[in-house]
Amino acid sequence: MIYLVRQAETDWNLFRRANGVTDTFLNQTGIAQAKLQAENLRNVNFDACFCSPQTRARQTCEIIYQGPIAFDDRLVEINCGEFEGKEETAETMKLVWQAFMTGDKGTVSFKDFMKRSCDFCDMITEHHKCKNVLIVTHAANIRVIDYYFNGKPRDYDFMRRTVIKTADCSRSKINKWLNCKKVVPRCPRKLVLI
């Protein structure tokens, strides 16, 4: 079973600021969310744990999981370039996505982001099949990982702001900034999202 956990809340999440590779820290709400998630997952015996090396993900993971953590650069959030820290308005997000398509304005291209995310999924499929794996990362990464294992939904629109929904791993309500969902690996498929 794969458990995907989105990093807990930062002030940039709270104030809807584009937060790609800028290193931000959990706020008090985020710390409380991570503690709640630790309680929700306390009875799960993980065989492996992977985490983005970014501080907000690392903080979340270290609260949730006390065992060895493999920090993997492939789990770093997508680089928002010159849009880092800007308010996530509809107009700004449209410009961000236009930049992602080509890698302009200091962003990473979405194609490159997808490749590294899918490379990570290939590794999980090859080396951690039928194991309990905890992955702590960021929203865009979680969406790509989820689509890799479960397929792309029919109403797919990557530009639309979505909330990673809480799944059955917890009876408690998890805040939208800290979400865990169980993903049962199926036959892996390469994604074509654009």
Protein backbone atom coordinates (compact mmCIF):
# COMPACT_ATOMS: atom_id res chain seq x y z
CA MET A 1 0.00 0.00 0.00
CA ILE A 2 1.27 3.46 -0.83
CA TYR A 3 0.39 6.28 1.55
CA LEU A 4 0.69 9.73 0.00
CA VAL A 5 0.88 12.61 2.45
CA ARG A 6 0.96 16.20 1.37
CA GLN A 7 3.18 18.47 3.46
CA ALA A 8 1.34 20.32 6.17
CA GLU A 9 0.36 23.99 6.10
CA THR A 10 2.81 26.87 5.78
CA ASP A 11 1.99 30.57 5.85
CA TRP A 12 2.39 30.61 2.07
CA ASN A 13 -0.32 27.94 1.81
CA LEU A 14 -2.50 29.91 4.20
CA PHE A 15 -2.18 33.11 2.17
CA ARG A 16 -2.33 31.30 -1.20
CA ARG A 17 1.17 32.10 -2.36
CA ALA A 18 2.79 30.04 -5.13
CA ASN A 19 5.29 27.88 -3.29
CA GLY A 20 7.44 25.68 -5.46
CA VAL A 21 11.10 25.41 -4.52
CA THR A 22 11.20 28.31 -2.05
CA ASP A 23 12.01 26.81 1.34
CA THR A 24 9.15 27.56 3.72
CA PHE A 25 8.40 26.20 7.18
CA LEU A 26 5.31 24.76 8.81
CA ASN A 27 3.20 27.19 10.78
CA GLN A 28 1.49 26.23 14.05
CA THR A 29 -1.53 24.85 12.20
CA GLY A 30 0.79 22.77 10.02
CA ILE A 31 2.55 21.32 13.06
CA ALA A 32 -0.84 20.39 14.56
CA GLN A 33 -1.90 18.81 11.23
CA ALA A 34 1.27 16.72 11.10
CA LYS A 35 0.68 15.54 14.69
CA LEU A 36 -2.89 14.57 13.77
CA GLN A 37 -1.63 12.64 10.76
CA ALA A 38 0.97 10.89 12.96
CA GLU A 39 -1.88 9.75 15.20
CA ASN A 40 -3.92 8.61 12.19
CA LEU A 41 -1.04 6.51 10.86
CA ARG A 42 0.36 5.23 14.18
CA ASN A 43 -0.82 1.65 13.57
CA VAL A 44 0.69 1.36 10.09
CA ASN A 45 4.01 -0.46 9.88
CA PHE A 46 5.91 1.15 7.04
CA ASP A 47 8.54 -0.79 5.11
CA ALA A 48 9.96 2.38 3.58
CA CYS A 49 9.56 6.13 3.82
CA PHE A 50 10.41 8.66 1.11
CA CYS A 51 10.25 12.41 1.49
CA SER A 52 10.92 15.59 -0.41
CA PRO A 53 14.04 17.26 1.03
CA GLN A 54 12.22 20.61 1.23
CA THR A 55 11.86 21.83 4.81
CA ARG A 56 8.06 21.87 4.94
CA ALA A 57 7.87 18.24 3.77
CA ARG A 58 10.79 17.18 5.99
CA GLN A 59 9.14 18.74 9.05
CA THR A 60 5.86 17.00 8.25
CA CYS A 61 7.55 13.64 7.71
CA GLU A 62 9.69 13.80 10.85
CA ILE A 63 6.58 14.43 12.96
CA ILE A 64 4.68 11.55 11.33
CA TYR A 65 7.41 8.94 11.04
CA GLN A 66 10.21 8.05 13.44
CA GLY A 67 12.10 5.52 11.29
CA PRO A 68 14.71 6.02 8.56
CA ILE A 69 13.65 8.50 5.87
CA ALA A 70 15.00 8.53 2.31
CA PHE A 71 15.05 12.11 1.07
CA ASP A 72 14.61 12.08 -2.70
CA ASP A 73 15.08 15.12 -4.95
CA ARG A 74 12.51 13.72 -7.38
CA LEU A 75 9.88 14.60 -4.77
CA VAL A 76 10.73 18.33 -4.76
CA GLU A 77 7.79 20.54 -5.75
CA ILE A 78 7.65 21.98 -9.26
CA ASN A 79 9.72 25.17 -9.63
CA CYS A 80 7.44 28.19 -10.07
CA GLY A 81 10.32 30.45 -11.16
CA GLU A 82 9.53 34.16 -11.03
CA PHE A 83 6.03 33.35 -9.76
CA GLU A 84 7.31 31.99 -6.42
CA GLY A 85 5.64 33.91 -3.58
CA LYS A 86 3.03 35.57 -5.79
CA GLU A 87 -0.64 35.32 -4.90
CA GLU A 88 -2.37 32.42 -6.66
CA THR A 89 -4.98 34.40 -8.57
CA ALA A 90 -6.64 32.95 -11.66
CA GLU A 91 -4.58 35.24 -13.90
CA THR A 92 -1.30 34.39 -12.15
CA MET A 93 -1.97 30.66 -12.35
CA LYS A 94 -2.75 30.96 -16.07
CA LEU A 95 0.63 32.63 -16.60
CA VAL A 96 2.36 30.01 -14.43
CA TRP A 97 0.91 27.17 -16.51
CA GLN A 98 1.91 28.87 -19.74
CA ALA A 99 5.47 29.10 -18.38
CA PHE A 100 5.40 25.43 -17.26
CA MET A 101 4.59 24.32 -20.80
CA THR A 102 7.92 25.71 -22.06
CA GLY A 103 10.04 26.09 -18.93
CA ASP A 104 10.06 29.89 -19.34
CA LYS A 105 10.36 32.58 -16.65
CA GLY A 106 12.62 30.46 -14.45
CA THR A 107 10.17 27.57 -14.12
CA VAL A 108 10.91 23.94 -14.82
CA SER A 109 9.05 22.53 -17.79
CA PHE A 110 6.11 20.37 -16.87
CA LYS A 111 7.48 17.65 -19.13
CA ASP A 112 10.70 17.51 -17.05
CA PHE A 113 8.70 17.60 -13.81
CA MET A 114 6.57 14.67 -15.00
CA LYS A 115 9.62 12.69 -16.06
CA ARG A 116 11.28 12.93 -12.65
CA SER A 117 7.99 12.14 -10.88
CA CYS A 118 7.41 9.09 -13.09
CA ASP A 119 11.03 7.97 -12.61
CA PHE A 120 10.34 7.98 -8.88
CA CYS A 121 7.16 5.93 -9.42
CA ASP A 122 9.07 3.45 -11.58
CA MET A 123 11.52 2.95 -8.70
CA ILE A 124 8.69 2.41 -6.20
CA THR A 125 7.05 -0.12 -8.52
CA GLU A 126 10.30 -1.98 -9.09
CA HIS A 127 11.70 -2.04 -5.55
CA HIS A 128 8.73 -1.68 -3.19
CA LYS A 129 5.93 -3.75 -4.67
CA CYS A 130 3.51 -5.13 -2.06
CA LYS A 131 5.08 -3.07 0.73
CA ASN A 132 3.73 -0.29 2.92
CA VAL A 133 5.41 2.86 1.63
CA LEU A 134 4.98 6.35 3.08
CA ILE A 135 5.62 9.21 0.64
CA VAL A 136 5.59 12.78 1.96
CA THR A 137 5.70 15.38 -0.78
CA HIS A 138 3.77 18.27 -2.35
CA ALA A 139 0.47 18.79 -4.19
CA ALA A 140 1.67 18.62 -7.80
CA ASN A 141 3.84 15.58 -7.06
CA ILE A 142 0.98 13.78 -5.36
CA ARG A 143 -1.30 14.35 -8.31
CA VAL A 144 1.24 12.93 -10.75
CA ILE A 145 1.97 9.93 -8.47
CA ASP A 146 -1.75 9.28 -8.03
CA TYR A 147 -2.37 9.47 -11.79
CA TYR A 148 0.62 7.19 -12.43
CA PHE A 149 -0.86 4.41 -10.31
CA ASN A 150 -4.59 5.01 -10.76
CA GLY A 151 -4.87 6.57 -14.19
CA LYS A 152 -5.98 10.03 -15.18
CA PRO A 153 -9.58 10.92 -14.29
CA ARG A 154 -11.98 11.68 -17.12
CA ASP A 155 -12.57 15.23 -15.92
CA TYR A 156 -8.84 15.83 -15.71
CA ASP A 157 -7.74 19.47 -15.74
CA PHE A 158 -4.31 19.97 -14.20
CA MET A 159 -4.68 23.75 -14.32
CA ARG A 160 -7.79 23.71 -12.14
CA ARG A 161 -7.00 24.16 -8.46
CA THR A 162 -7.79 20.91 -6.72
CA VAL A 163 -7.68 19.73 -3.17
CA ILE A 164 -6.07 16.37 -2.60
CA LYS A 165 -8.89 14.60 -0.84
CA THR A 166 -8.54 12.64 2.34
CA ALA A 167 -8.98 8.90 1.89
CA ASP A 168 -9.86 6.00 4.13
CA CYS A 169 -6.61 5.90 6.07
CA SER A 170 -8.10 8.06 8.78
CA ARG A 171 -11.41 8.37 10.58
CA SER A 172 -10.49 11.93 11.52
CA LYS A 173 -10.94 14.82 9.16
CA ILE A 174 -7.56 15.94 7.85
CA ASN A 175 -7.10 19.56 6.81
CA LYS A 176 -6.79 20.09 3.06
CA TRP A 177 -3.09 20.93 3.42
CA LEU A 178 -2.26 17.58 4.98
CA ASN A 179 -3.88 14.72 3.16
CA CYS A 180 -3.26 11.04 3.09
CA LYS A 181 -4.67 8.62 0.61
CA LYS A 182 -4.10 4.94 0.00
CA VAL A 183 -2.97 4.07 -3.49
CA VAL A 184 -2.97 0.42 -4.49
CA PRO A 185 -0.34 0.01 -7.22
CA ARG A 186 -1.72 -1.46 -10.40
CA CYS A 187 -0.02 -2.08 -13.67
CA PRO A 188 2.09 1.06 -14.01
CA ARG A 189 1.47 3.20 -17.03
CA LYS A 190 3.29 6.16 -18.40
CA LEU A 191 1.28 9.33 -18.15
CA VAL A 192 0.36 11.64 -20.91
CA LEU A 193 -1.17 14.59 -19.08
CA ILE A 194 -0.95 17.29 -21.71
